[in-house]
Amino acid sequence: MRYALLLLFTLPLVSCAGYKLGGAKPPSLVGVKTIAVPMFSNGTQEPRAEALATTAVTDALVADGTYQIADRNSADAVLEGSLSSIRYSKLRSSKLDSLLPEELTNDVSILWTLRDARDPTKILASGTSSGNSNFFVDSNLQTARRNALPDALGRAGRSLASTLSSGF
């Protein structure tokens, strides 16, 4: 009976043994509270895509809330990025003509590096984030591609923010 009573009182204390308060930041980013996000570079042929990529990543970091956005002078870290590729592929073709696409997908990749703001040679984290979007082909393919690009970049931005805030 004593052992059952002891078990009854100690079980609630043990059930939360692995839980800790606060965020689940990667160990290398524990001291980082603010991030500066300068304009990304564009390694693709898509005009003004670097502005869309920078905006998508900044919006994702703000929505995540783990880090605050700051200017380069007051930030703990600087996020440098490059839009490395935008690939289009056919998702579905016409029933009558297999070479005529009806629905396309675009895959975007962002190469990024998070550097310490005080010592730019120190890399805190780096990686590649990707996102994709599906869209229907209409009479103006260029407009359809341009309209689908922010959605794919938004997904890549959320992937990058998730990596920085939780490590995966």
Protein backbone atom coordinates (compact mmCIF):
# COMPACT_ATOMS: atom_id res chain seq x y z
CA MET A 1 0.00 0.00 0.00
CA ARG A 2 2.85 2.39 0.81
CA TYR A 3 4.46 1.74 -2.57
CA ALA A 4 1.23 2.45 -4.38
CA LEU A 5 0.84 5.72 -2.51
CA LEU A 6 4.46 6.67 -3.24
CA LEU A 7 3.95 5.87 -6.91
CA LEU A 8 0.79 7.96 -6.96
CA PHE A 9 2.64 11.04 -5.63
CA THR A 10 5.81 10.69 -7.72
CA LEU A 11 4.16 9.90 -11.07
CA PRO A 12 3.03 13.52 -11.71
CA LEU A 13 6.56 14.79 -11.06
CA VAL A 14 8.14 12.38 -13.54
CA SER A 15 5.61 12.90 -16.34
CA CYS A 16 7.05 16.33 -17.25
CA ALA A 17 10.70 15.33 -17.02
CA GLY A 18 11.55 16.12 -20.66
CA TYR A 19 9.65 19.40 -20.91
CA LYS A 20 11.35 22.73 -20.51
CA LEU A 21 9.98 26.23 -20.75
CA GLY A 22 10.93 28.54 -23.57
CA GLY A 23 11.67 28.02 -27.24
CA ALA A 24 13.35 25.10 -28.89
CA LYS A 25 16.03 27.03 -30.76
CA PRO A 26 19.06 25.17 -32.08
CA PRO A 27 21.95 25.35 -29.59
CA SER A 28 24.04 27.59 -31.86
CA LEU A 29 21.25 30.20 -31.99
CA VAL A 30 20.33 30.46 -28.31
CA GLY A 31 21.92 33.91 -27.95
CA VAL A 32 20.34 35.30 -31.14
CA LYS A 33 17.28 37.46 -30.55
CA THR A 34 17.36 39.84 -33.54
CA ILE A 35 18.18 39.16 -37.19
CA ALA A 36 18.99 41.60 -39.99
CA VAL A 37 17.77 40.55 -43.44
CA PRO A 38 19.52 42.51 -46.21
CA MET A 39 18.37 42.17 -49.83
CA PHE A 40 19.02 38.66 -51.16
CA SER A 41 20.95 38.12 -54.36
CA ASN A 42 19.37 36.64 -57.46
CA GLY A 43 21.09 33.78 -59.25
CA THR A 44 18.21 33.27 -61.67
CA GLN A 45 17.00 35.01 -64.81
CA GLU A 46 13.73 36.07 -63.15
CA PRO A 47 13.66 39.87 -62.84
CA ARG A 48 13.09 41.34 -59.38
CA ALA A 49 12.77 37.89 -57.79
CA GLU A 50 15.31 38.82 -55.10
CA ALA A 51 12.88 41.39 -53.70
CA LEU A 52 10.09 38.80 -53.58
CA ALA A 53 12.39 36.27 -51.87
CA THR A 54 13.60 38.80 -49.27
CA THR A 55 10.04 39.86 -48.50
CA ALA A 56 8.84 36.26 -48.22
CA VAL A 57 11.59 35.33 -45.75
CA THR A 58 11.12 38.49 -43.69
CA ASP A 59 7.36 37.92 -43.51
CA ALA A 60 7.90 34.30 -42.44
CA LEU A 61 10.32 35.33 -39.68
CA VAL A 62 7.89 37.97 -38.41
CA ALA A 63 4.98 35.50 -38.48
CA ASP A 64 7.03 32.87 -36.64
CA GLY A 65 7.88 35.34 -33.87
CA THR A 66 10.98 33.59 -32.57
CA TYR A 67 13.27 36.39 -33.77
CA GLN A 68 12.79 40.10 -34.22
CA ILE A 69 13.84 41.86 -37.42
CA ALA A 70 16.41 44.62 -36.89
CA ASP A 71 18.82 46.67 -38.94
CA ARG A 72 22.38 45.49 -39.43
CA ASN A 73 23.84 47.79 -36.74
CA SER A 74 21.66 46.51 -33.90
CA ALA A 75 21.11 42.87 -34.92
CA ASP A 76 22.65 39.82 -33.30
CA ALA A 77 22.90 37.98 -36.63
CA VAL A 78 22.68 38.72 -40.34
CA LEU A 79 20.77 36.44 -42.72
CA GLU A 80 22.35 36.42 -46.18
CA GLY A 81 20.49 34.65 -48.94
CA SER A 82 20.56 33.92 -52.62
CA LEU A 83 17.71 32.78 -54.82
CA SER A 84 19.58 29.95 -56.53
CA SER A 85 17.03 28.36 -58.84
CA ILE A 86 13.50 28.46 -60.15
CA ARG A 87 12.47 25.32 -62.04
CA TYR A 88 9.22 24.77 -63.88
CA SER A 89 7.86 21.34 -64.69
CA LYS A 90 4.67 19.96 -66.17
CA LEU A 91 2.22 18.59 -63.64
CA ARG A 92 -0.68 17.76 -65.94
CA SER A 93 -1.06 17.91 -69.70
CA SER A 94 -3.97 18.31 -72.04
CA LYS A 95 -6.11 15.25 -72.74
CA LEU A 96 -5.80 15.78 -76.47
CA ASP A 97 -2.16 16.89 -76.70
CA SER A 98 0.36 15.44 -74.24
CA LEU A 99 2.91 18.14 -75.11
CA LEU A 100 0.54 20.95 -74.13
CA PRO A 101 0.66 21.54 -70.36
CA GLU A 102 -2.48 22.52 -68.46
CA GLU A 103 -0.95 22.71 -65.00
CA LEU A 104 2.64 23.49 -64.06
CA THR A 105 4.63 23.47 -60.85
CA ASN A 106 7.48 25.77 -59.94
CA ASP A 107 10.20 24.78 -57.48
CA VAL A 108 12.35 27.50 -55.92
CA SER A 109 15.53 27.14 -53.87
CA ILE A 110 17.08 29.68 -51.54
CA LEU A 111 20.65 29.23 -50.32
CA TRP A 112 21.12 31.03 -47.00
CA THR A 113 23.74 31.69 -44.36
CA LEU A 114 23.19 33.16 -40.91
CA ARG A 115 26.30 35.01 -39.73
CA ASP A 116 27.18 36.56 -36.40
CA ALA A 117 26.73 40.33 -36.76
CA ARG A 118 29.82 41.15 -34.66
CA ASP A 119 32.09 38.57 -36.34
CA PRO A 120 30.98 37.99 -39.97
CA THR A 121 33.43 35.12 -40.36
CA LYS A 122 31.48 33.10 -37.79
CA ILE A 123 28.65 31.15 -39.45
CA LEU A 124 25.85 30.31 -37.04
CA ALA A 125 23.72 28.30 -39.47
CA SER A 126 23.40 27.67 -43.18
CA GLY A 127 21.32 25.63 -45.56
CA THR A 128 18.96 25.47 -48.49
CA SER A 129 15.24 26.07 -48.25
CA SER A 130 12.84 25.19 -51.00
CA GLY A 131 9.21 25.72 -51.82
CA ASN A 132 6.87 24.98 -54.66
CA SER A 133 3.57 26.08 -56.09
CA ASN A 134 1.16 24.68 -58.67
CA PHE A 135 -0.59 26.86 -61.20
CA PHE A 136 -2.78 26.54 -64.26
CA VAL A 137 -1.59 27.64 -67.66
CA ASP A 138 -3.69 30.38 -69.15
CA SER A 139 -3.36 32.47 -72.30
CA ASN A 140 -0.42 34.44 -70.83
CA LEU A 141 2.12 31.95 -69.47
CA GLN A 142 4.52 34.66 -68.28
CA THR A 143 1.84 36.25 -66.09
CA ALA A 144 0.79 32.87 -64.70
CA ARG A 145 4.41 32.10 -63.76
CA ARG A 146 4.89 35.53 -62.21
CA ASN A 147 1.71 35.20 -60.15
CA ALA A 148 2.69 31.76 -58.80
CA LEU A 149 6.21 32.80 -57.76
CA PRO A 150 5.30 34.61 -54.47
CA ASP A 151 3.45 31.52 -53.22
CA ALA A 152 6.46 29.26 -53.84
CA LEU A 153 8.81 31.79 -52.25
CA GLY A 154 6.47 32.08 -49.26
CA ARG A 155 6.72 28.32 -48.72
CA ALA A 156 10.51 28.49 -48.96
CA GLY A 157 10.51 31.39 -46.49
CA ARG A 158 8.40 29.44 -44.00
CA SER A 159 10.77 26.49 -44.36
CA LEU A 160 13.74 28.76 -43.64
CA ALA A 161 12.01 30.33 -40.62
CA SER A 162 11.15 26.89 -39.27
CA THR A 163 14.77 25.78 -39.61
CA LEU A 164 16.01 28.84 -37.74
CA SER A 165 13.41 28.63 -34.98
CA SER A 166 13.30 24.91 -34.31
CA GLY A 167 16.24 23.35 -36.14
CA PHE A 168 14.16 21.45 -38.70
